[in-house]
Amino acid sequence: MPTLANTFSDTQLIGLDNPVRNYAWGSRTTIAALQGRPFPTAEPEAEIWIGAHPAAPSRVSARTDLLTVIDADRPGLLGPGRDRLPFLLKVLAVAKPLSIQVHPDAQQAVRGFTREEALGIPRDDPKRNYRDDWPKPELLYAVTDFDALCGIREPREAARLLRALGGTRLQRIAGVLEQRGPRETFDVLNSWPTDDRPALVAEVRTGATEARRDGPEAPRRSDPEVALRTAARIAADQPDDPGCVTSLLLNLVTLAPGQALYARPRTIHAYLQGTGVEVMASSDNVLRGGLTPKHVDQAELAAVADFTPSEPEVVKPVTLPTGEDMYPAPVEQFQLTRLRPRPLITVPEPGPSSILCLDGSLTVTRGGITHLLNPGEALFAPHSGDDELTIEGQGLGFRASIPLSSL
């Protein structure tokens, strides 16, 4: 009788049925339109997950999922020495700002996971911070113009933004930033009295309105005017959350289609608006600091985050000999490449990889097996020692894989 191991171990390509995740910040149109479903949808649809993450693995049939299949034959599907698929590929549809968050580095993840295991906190407890012992670097590719906050803004520039808004509360915060720095300013915001938070947020809304009235329109998306408009938009959406003030302490970046943003572990970030393709280490360790109905642990975020001012890491592609456009990131868990066959892409490495079609169609072939991908569809290519992977068609796609240096 066939088992999962011998059913899939010799399979060159595995078609996937990928879960759609419903979060409040998602879109009611973007993902449904991509997949050819009616829209607007009843609930916001925020993400498509493509991979073997335990929280929502892709399905390979009506009876089983990719995680179960991989666990039945890890050496055969992942290659020697690997006990889990190290990356998760996503499509993101961001209609409104999502949580201000940070992810731990490798040492922090191990310490946090060990501590919460010893405390007996169930891994599915909403208040759990560390659900595994992995770091979580992320790389986001912009399909549309994509607005994000990432990393600590230079303090003098952030203080000028706060001063420009006026308001006694915001002036106090600007003084803390100028005299004591970003870390202490975050502490002040996190401990702001709950009953006074609406008044703090109101100062942002009022100040941003006055600044727009007094100043010219910003000639570029990176100008301070845009940071103030962004803070006002967040304030209108979250009238009781000081995250609108936090946004002014962070770098605002707008990615053009085709650009990517790398978020290192320990980097405070938040996505604001746009459609993107994201690849990350397959971890679920998220420390949230606001702008979310989910569990917030500002003290742990402050303990993990890097408060050193830094510029956002905007990544440009490098064309590989295979014909793929690779977006380099200094990680061992994943590599993201853009697929625009001209006319053919040939990938000699053994895998494993996840392949997504975003537009048009792509035909993927390996070992005499051919699989056609239409928009919103994806497949998994298991580890294979010898067979090349070829991709052709008139479309746009993405391939998440393990860097060659880590194979």
Protein backbone atom coordinates (compact mmCIF):
# COMPACT_ATOMS: atom_id res chain seq x y z
CA MET A 1 0.00 0.00 0.00
CA PRO A 2 1.50 3.40 -0.93
CA THR A 3 2.58 5.73 1.87
CA LEU A 4 3.03 9.48 1.87
CA ALA A 5 6.79 8.99 1.68
CA ASN A 6 6.81 6.90 -1.50
CA THR A 7 3.86 8.79 -3.01
CA PHE A 8 5.65 12.14 -3.08
CA SER A 9 9.38 11.40 -2.77
CA ASP A 10 9.73 10.81 -6.52
CA THR A 11 7.39 13.64 -7.50
CA GLN A 12 9.18 16.35 -9.46
CA LEU A 13 6.52 19.06 -8.99
CA ILE A 14 3.71 19.29 -6.42
CA GLY A 15 0.74 21.57 -7.07
CA LEU A 16 -0.41 23.58 -4.07
CA ASP A 17 -3.72 24.88 -2.76
CA ASN A 18 -2.68 27.83 -0.62
CA PRO A 19 -4.56 29.22 2.38
CA VAL A 20 -5.82 32.80 2.38
CA ARG A 21 -5.45 34.54 5.74
CA ASN A 22 -8.13 36.96 6.91
CA TYR A 23 -6.82 39.91 8.91
CA ALA A 24 -8.46 43.27 9.50
CA TRP A 25 -5.80 45.19 7.54
CA GLY A 26 -6.33 43.16 4.36
CA SER A 27 -8.08 43.99 1.09
CA ARG A 28 -11.52 42.84 -0.05
CA THR A 29 -10.48 42.92 -3.71
CA THR A 30 -6.77 42.29 -4.37
CA ILE A 31 -6.35 38.60 -3.58
CA ALA A 32 -9.76 37.63 -4.93
CA ALA A 33 -9.00 39.43 -8.21
CA LEU A 34 -5.62 37.69 -8.43
CA GLN A 35 -7.25 34.28 -8.01
CA GLY A 36 -10.18 35.03 -10.32
CA ARG A 37 -12.82 34.96 -7.57
CA PRO A 38 -15.76 37.36 -7.15
CA PHE A 39 -15.08 40.51 -5.16
CA PRO A 40 -15.48 42.41 -2.90
CA THR A 41 -15.18 39.56 -0.42
CA ALA A 42 -17.17 39.29 2.80
CA GLU A 43 -14.03 39.58 4.93
CA PRO A 44 -10.72 41.36 4.33
CA GLU A 45 -8.14 39.01 2.77
CA ALA A 46 -4.62 39.92 3.84
CA GLU A 47 -2.20 37.15 2.85
CA ILE A 48 -1.72 34.00 0.80
CA TRP A 49 0.65 31.57 2.51
CA ILE A 50 2.72 29.29 0.27
CA GLY A 51 4.72 26.72 2.18
CA ALA A 52 4.75 24.35 5.14
CA HIS A 53 4.25 26.66 8.11
CA PRO A 54 2.47 24.66 10.86
CA ALA A 55 -0.11 27.42 11.40
CA ALA A 56 -1.42 27.21 7.81
CA PRO A 57 0.40 24.81 5.47
CA SER A 58 -0.43 24.64 1.78
CA ARG A 59 -2.57 21.66 0.84
CA VAL A 60 -1.43 19.14 -1.75
CA SER A 61 -4.69 17.15 -1.89
CA ALA A 62 -8.06 16.97 -0.17
CA ARG A 63 -6.56 14.66 2.45
CA THR A 64 -3.14 16.07 3.26
CA ASP A 65 -0.92 19.15 3.31
CA LEU A 66 2.66 20.03 2.43
CA LEU A 67 3.89 19.93 6.04
CA THR A 68 2.63 16.36 6.49
CA VAL A 69 4.15 15.30 3.19
CA ILE A 70 7.54 16.81 4.07
CA ASP A 71 7.54 15.28 7.56
CA ALA A 72 7.00 11.85 5.99
CA ASP A 73 10.23 12.12 3.96
CA ARG A 74 12.39 15.08 4.95
CA PRO A 75 15.62 13.92 3.25
CA GLY A 76 13.78 13.11 0.03
CA LEU A 77 11.88 16.38 -0.25
CA LEU A 78 14.21 18.85 1.48
CA GLY A 79 17.62 17.31 0.87
CA PRO A 80 20.08 15.82 3.33
CA GLY A 81 20.44 17.37 6.78
CA ARG A 82 17.27 19.48 6.76
CA ASP A 83 14.44 18.95 9.23
CA ARG A 84 12.05 21.66 7.98
CA LEU A 85 11.37 23.91 5.01
CA PRO A 86 13.25 27.06 6.07
CA PHE A 87 11.23 29.66 4.15
CA LEU A 88 7.64 30.82 3.74
CA LEU A 89 6.44 32.68 0.63
CA LYS A 90 3.49 35.07 0.85
CA VAL A 91 1.35 37.44 -1.17
CA LEU A 92 0.41 40.52 0.90
CA ALA A 93 -2.57 42.79 0.24
CA VAL A 94 -2.28 45.72 2.66
CA ALA A 95 -5.30 48.04 2.64
CA LYS A 96 -4.55 49.80 5.92
CA PRO A 97 -1.63 49.90 8.37
CA LEU A 98 -0.77 46.72 10.21
CA SER A 99 1.03 46.30 13.50
CA ILE A 100 4.26 47.98 14.50
CA GLN A 101 6.41 44.92 15.11
CA VAL A 102 9.84 43.41 15.44
CA HIS A 103 11.24 39.89 15.09
CA PRO A 104 14.04 38.39 17.20
CA ASP A 105 17.49 37.40 16.02
CA ALA A 106 18.70 33.80 16.39
CA GLN A 107 19.95 34.07 19.98
CA GLN A 108 16.92 36.03 21.16
CA ALA A 109 14.58 33.49 19.55
CA VAL A 110 16.24 30.57 21.34
CA ARG A 111 16.21 32.36 24.70
CA GLY A 112 12.61 33.52 24.36
CA PHE A 113 11.33 30.15 23.17
CA THR A 114 13.14 28.30 25.95
CA ARG A 115 11.79 30.71 28.57
CA GLU A 116 8.16 30.43 27.42
CA GLU A 117 8.42 26.65 27.13
CA ALA A 118 9.67 26.50 30.73
CA LEU A 119 6.77 28.70 31.83
CA GLY A 120 4.35 26.24 30.26
CA ILE A 121 2.66 28.80 27.98
CA PRO A 122 0.81 26.86 25.26
CA ARG A 123 2.22 27.51 21.80
CA ASP A 124 -1.23 28.45 20.53
CA ASP A 125 -1.85 30.92 23.37
CA PRO A 126 -2.58 34.37 21.82
CA LYS A 127 -0.27 35.93 24.43
CA ARG A 128 2.68 33.77 23.46
CA ASN A 129 5.54 35.73 21.84
CA TYR A 130 7.95 32.95 20.86
CA ARG A 131 6.27 30.03 19.10
CA ASP A 132 9.53 28.56 17.78
CA ASP A 133 13.27 29.01 18.19
CA TRP A 134 14.00 30.63 14.83
CA PRO A 135 14.86 34.20 13.84
CA LYS A 136 12.59 35.86 11.29
CA PRO A 137 14.31 37.99 8.65
CA GLU A 138 11.95 39.20 5.90
CA LEU A 139 12.22 40.48 2.33
CA LEU A 140 9.28 42.28 0.70
CA TYR A 141 8.97 42.79 -3.08
CA ALA A 142 6.67 45.63 -4.17
CA VAL A 143 4.11 44.61 -6.79
CA THR A 144 2.48 48.06 -6.58
CA ASP A 145 3.72 51.23 -4.92
CA PHE A 146 4.19 50.05 -1.34
CA ASP A 147 4.43 52.24 1.77
CA ALA A 148 6.24 50.96 4.84
CA LEU A 149 7.92 52.07 8.04
CA CYS A 150 11.30 50.45 8.66
CA GLY A 151 14.09 51.22 11.11
CA ILE A 152 14.77 54.16 13.41
CA ARG A 153 14.67 57.62 11.86
CA GLU A 154 17.56 59.98 12.62
CA PRO A 155 16.50 61.53 15.98
CA ARG A 156 16.98 65.19 15.02
CA GLU A 157 14.80 64.71 11.95
CA ALA A 158 12.14 62.89 13.99
CA ALA A 159 12.19 65.64 16.62
CA ARG A 160 11.65 68.28 13.92
CA LEU A 161 8.58 66.38 12.73
CA LEU A 162 7.18 66.27 16.26
CA ARG A 163 7.91 69.98 16.79
CA ALA A 164 6.17 70.83 13.51
CA LEU A 165 2.93 69.33 14.82
CA GLY A 166 2.74 71.59 17.86
CA GLY A 167 0.76 70.39 20.87
CA THR A 168 2.08 70.31 24.42
CA ARG A 169 2.21 66.52 24.59
CA LEU A 170 4.11 66.19 21.33
CA GLN A 171 6.56 68.91 22.41
CA ARG A 172 7.26 66.90 25.57
CA ILE A 173 7.93 63.79 23.49
CA ALA A 174 10.23 65.76 21.17
CA GLY A 175 12.20 66.90 24.21
CA VAL A 176 12.63 63.33 25.42
CA LEU A 177 13.85 62.30 21.98
CA GLU A 178 16.35 65.17 21.77
CA GLN A 179 17.73 64.65 25.26
CA ARG A 180 17.50 60.89 25.82
CA GLY A 181 17.17 59.20 22.44
CA PRO A 182 14.82 56.78 20.63
CA ARG A 183 14.78 53.95 23.19
CA GLU A 184 13.63 56.18 26.03
CA THR A 185 11.10 57.88 23.74
CA PHE A 186 9.55 54.51 22.93
CA ASP A 187 9.35 53.81 26.67
CA VAL A 188 7.52 57.10 27.24
CA LEU A 189 5.01 56.33 24.48
CA ASN A 190 4.46 52.77 25.69
CA SER A 191 3.72 53.96 29.22
CA TRP A 192 1.51 56.87 28.16
CA PRO A 193 -1.63 56.96 30.34
CA THR A 194 -4.47 55.11 28.67
CA ASP A 195 -7.03 57.79 29.43
CA ASP A 196 -4.85 60.48 27.81
CA ARG A 197 -4.00 58.61 24.62
CA PRO A 198 -6.97 59.99 22.63
CA ALA A 199 -5.78 63.53 23.42
CA LEU A 200 -2.24 62.66 22.30
CA VAL A 201 -3.53 61.23 19.02
CA ALA A 202 -5.76 64.27 18.53
CA GLU A 203 -2.68 66.50 18.66
CA VAL A 204 -1.26 64.55 15.73
CA ARG A 205 -4.45 64.94 13.70
CA THR A 206 -4.75 68.66 14.44
CA GLY A 207 -1.07 69.37 13.93
CA ALA A 208 -0.91 67.52 10.63
CA THR A 209 -3.93 69.45 9.35
CA GLU A 210 -2.29 72.77 10.26
CA ALA A 211 1.03 71.71 8.71
CA ARG A 212 -0.68 70.86 5.43
CA ARG A 213 -2.48 74.19 5.47
CA ASP A 214 0.69 76.18 6.12
CA GLY A 215 3.16 74.34 3.92
CA PRO A 216 3.44 73.51 0.21
CA GLU A 217 2.66 70.08 -1.11
CA ALA A 218 5.65 67.77 -0.91
CA PRO A 219 7.41 67.46 -4.26
CA ARG A 220 8.68 63.97 -3.41
CA ARG A 221 7.17 61.03 -1.55
CA SER A 222 10.10 61.03 0.90
CA ASP A 223 9.58 64.59 2.17
CA PRO A 224 8.51 65.32 5.78
CA GLU A 225 5.06 66.37 4.58
CA VAL A 226 4.38 62.76 3.63
CA ALA A 227 5.48 61.52 7.06
CA LEU A 228 3.00 63.91 8.68
CA ARG A 229 0.20 62.85 6.33
CA THR A 230 0.98 59.22 7.13
CA ALA A 231 0.85 59.89 10.87
CA ALA A 232 -2.49 61.66 10.43
CA ARG A 233 -3.89 58.73 8.44
CA ILE A 234 -2.82 56.30 11.16
CA ALA A 235 -4.31 58.58 13.82
CA ALA A 236 -7.65 58.65 12.03
CA ASP A 237 -7.70 54.86 11.80
CA GLN A 238 -6.46 54.23 15.37
CA PRO A 239 -7.69 57.16 17.51
CA ASP A 240 -6.66 55.57 20.83
CA ASP A 241 -3.24 54.23 19.80
CA PRO A 242 -0.02 56.29 20.07
CA GLY A 243 1.34 54.32 17.12
CA CYS A 244 0.76 57.42 14.99
CA VAL A 245 3.47 59.13 17.05
CA THR A 246 5.69 56.07 16.83
CA SER A 247 5.44 56.27 13.03
CA LEU A 248 7.32 59.58 13.13
CA LEU A 249 10.22 57.89 14.93
CA LEU A 250 10.60 55.42 12.05
CA ASN A 251 11.83 55.77 8.48
CA LEU A 252 9.06 56.11 5.93
CA VAL A 253 9.83 54.38 2.64
CA THR A 254 7.80 54.07 -0.55
CA LEU A 255 8.88 51.22 -2.78
CA ALA A 256 8.29 51.48 -6.51
CA PRO A 257 7.12 48.30 -8.26
CA GLY A 258 10.12 46.02 -8.68
CA GLN A 259 11.98 47.28 -5.60
CA ALA A 260 12.31 45.25 -2.42
CA LEU A 261 12.80 46.02 1.27
CA TYR A 262 14.85 43.85 3.62
CA ALA A 263 13.86 43.89 7.30
CA ARG A 264 16.61 42.46 9.49
CA PRO A 265 15.75 40.76 12.76
CA ARG A 266 15.42 43.37 15.55
CA THR A 267 14.32 46.07 13.08
CA ILE A 268 11.07 47.83 14.03
CA HIS A 269 8.80 47.97 11.01
CA ALA A 270 5.21 48.19 9.81
CA TYR A 271 3.55 47.87 6.42
CA LEU A 272 1.12 50.65 5.56
CA GLN A 273 -0.37 50.14 2.10
CA GLY A 274 0.22 48.21 -1.11
CA THR A 275 0.49 44.77 -2.68
CA GLY A 276 3.67 42.75 -2.30
CA VAL A 277 5.32 39.36 -2.41
CA GLU A 278 7.17 38.50 0.79
CA VAL A 279 9.60 35.75 1.70
CA MET A 280 10.72 35.10 5.26
CA ALA A 281 12.25 32.53 7.51
CA SER A 282 9.43 30.13 8.41
CA SER A 283 9.02 31.46 11.93
CA ASP A 284 6.04 32.82 13.84
CA ASN A 285 7.91 34.98 16.34
CA VAL A 286 6.30 38.44 16.28
CA LEU A 287 6.59 41.10 18.98
CA ARG A 288 3.92 43.76 18.45
CA GLY A 289 3.99 47.30 19.76
CA GLY A 290 0.69 48.73 18.58
CA LEU A 291 -1.74 49.33 15.69
CA THR A 292 -3.24 45.87 16.11
CA PRO A 293 -6.05 44.07 17.96
CA LYS A 294 -3.62 41.18 18.54
CA HIS A 295 -1.46 40.67 21.61
CA VAL A 296 0.86 43.62 22.27
CA ASP A 297 3.99 43.25 24.41
CA GLN A 298 5.75 46.59 24.30
CA ALA A 299 8.25 45.69 27.00
CA GLU A 300 9.47 42.62 25.11
CA LEU A 301 9.56 44.57 21.85
CA ALA A 302 11.75 47.18 23.51
CA ALA A 303 14.04 44.45 24.89
CA VAL A 304 14.50 42.86 21.46
CA ALA A 305 14.55 45.87 19.10
CA ASP A 306 17.62 47.66 17.79
CA PHE A 307 17.16 51.40 18.41
CA THR A 308 20.21 52.46 16.40
CA PRO A 309 19.19 54.96 13.68
CA SER A 310 19.60 53.40 10.24
CA GLU A 311 18.48 53.84 6.64
CA PRO A 312 15.94 51.41 5.17
CA GLU A 313 17.59 48.60 3.21
CA VAL A 314 16.04 48.96 -0.24
CA VAL A 315 17.18 46.06 -2.41
CA LYS A 316 17.74 46.13 -6.16
CA PRO A 317 17.81 42.95 -8.25
CA VAL A 318 20.85 41.19 -9.66
CA THR A 319 20.33 39.17 -12.84
CA LEU A 320 21.63 35.61 -12.46
CA PRO A 321 23.07 33.41 -15.24
CA THR A 322 19.83 31.39 -14.98
CA GLY A 323 17.85 34.41 -16.24
CA GLU A 324 16.25 35.07 -12.86
CA ASP A 325 16.39 38.44 -11.09
CA MET A 326 17.68 37.76 -7.58
CA TYR A 327 17.04 40.10 -4.64
CA PRO A 328 20.04 39.56 -2.37
CA ALA A 329 19.63 39.32 1.40
CA PRO A 330 22.28 38.30 3.97
CA VAL A 331 20.41 35.23 5.24
CA GLU A 332 20.74 31.46 5.06
CA GLN A 333 17.02 30.60 5.19
CA PHE A 334 15.79 31.99 1.86
CA GLN A 335 16.49 33.54 -1.49
CA LEU A 336 13.90 35.37 -3.62
CA THR A 337 14.11 35.55 -7.39
CA ARG A 338 11.76 37.19 -9.88
CA LEU A 339 10.77 35.12 -12.90
CA ARG A 340 10.32 36.92 -16.22
CA PRO A 341 11.16 34.27 -18.81
CA ARG A 342 12.99 35.76 -21.80
CA PRO A 343 12.14 33.24 -23.21
CA LEU A 344 13.42 30.50 -20.86
CA ILE A 345 14.81 30.23 -17.34
CA THR A 346 16.90 27.18 -16.45
CA VAL A 347 17.66 26.46 -12.79
CA PRO A 348 20.33 23.79 -12.21
CA GLU A 349 20.28 23.75 -8.39
CA PRO A 350 18.55 20.83 -6.67
CA GLY A 351 15.93 22.73 -4.65
CA PRO A 352 13.67 22.74 -2.72
CA SER A 353 11.73 25.77 -3.93
CA SER A 354 8.24 27.29 -4.06
CA ILE A 355 7.16 28.90 -7.34
CA LEU A 356 4.34 31.46 -7.63
CA CYS A 357 2.73 32.89 -10.76
CA LEU A 358 1.49 36.45 -10.29
CA ASP A 359 0.58 37.49 -13.83
CA GLY A 360 0.16 35.80 -17.20
CA SER A 361 1.13 32.14 -17.15
CA LEU A 362 4.26 30.10 -16.47
CA THR A 363 5.07 26.56 -17.55
CA VAL A 364 7.40 24.74 -15.16
CA THR A 365 9.14 21.53 -16.23
CA ARG A 366 11.44 19.10 -14.44
CA GLY A 367 12.23 15.44 -15.04
CA GLY A 368 9.75 15.20 -17.89
CA ILE A 369 6.90 16.54 -15.72
CA THR A 370 5.22 19.81 -16.78
CA HIS A 371 2.99 22.03 -14.65
CA LEU A 372 1.12 25.13 -15.88
CA LEU A 373 0.70 27.99 -13.41
CA ASN A 374 -1.91 30.72 -13.84
CA PRO A 375 -2.20 33.92 -11.74
CA GLY A 376 -2.37 33.19 -8.02
CA GLU A 377 -1.26 29.56 -8.43
CA ALA A 378 1.87 28.00 -6.96
CA LEU A 379 3.78 24.73 -6.77
CA PHE A 380 6.49 23.12 -4.68
CA ALA A 381 9.58 21.67 -6.32
CA PRO A 382 11.16 19.13 -3.93
CA HIS A 383 14.87 18.50 -3.63
CA SER A 384 16.22 16.77 -6.72
CA GLY A 385 19.82 15.81 -7.17
CA ASP A 386 20.13 15.93 -10.95
CA ASP A 387 17.15 17.31 -12.84
CA GLU A 388 17.14 20.92 -14.00
CA LEU A 389 14.10 23.10 -13.49
CA THR A 390 12.94 25.08 -16.53
CA ILE A 391 10.42 27.92 -16.52
CA GLU A 392 8.94 29.50 -19.63
CA GLY A 393 5.93 31.58 -20.63
CA GLN A 394 4.66 35.14 -20.88
CA GLY A 395 4.21 35.91 -17.23
CA LEU A 396 5.58 37.24 -13.97
CA GLY A 397 6.42 34.93 -11.12
CA PHE A 398 8.61 34.41 -8.08
CA ARG A 399 10.71 31.57 -6.73
CA ALA A 400 11.59 31.16 -3.07
CA SER A 401 14.51 28.82 -2.49
CA ILE A 402 17.51 28.15 -0.27
CA PRO A 403 20.63 30.19 -1.15
CA LEU A 404 23.24 28.14 -3.00
CA SER A 405 25.72 28.95 -0.24
CA SER A 406 23.44 27.14 2.24
CA LEU A 407 22.80 24.01 0.16
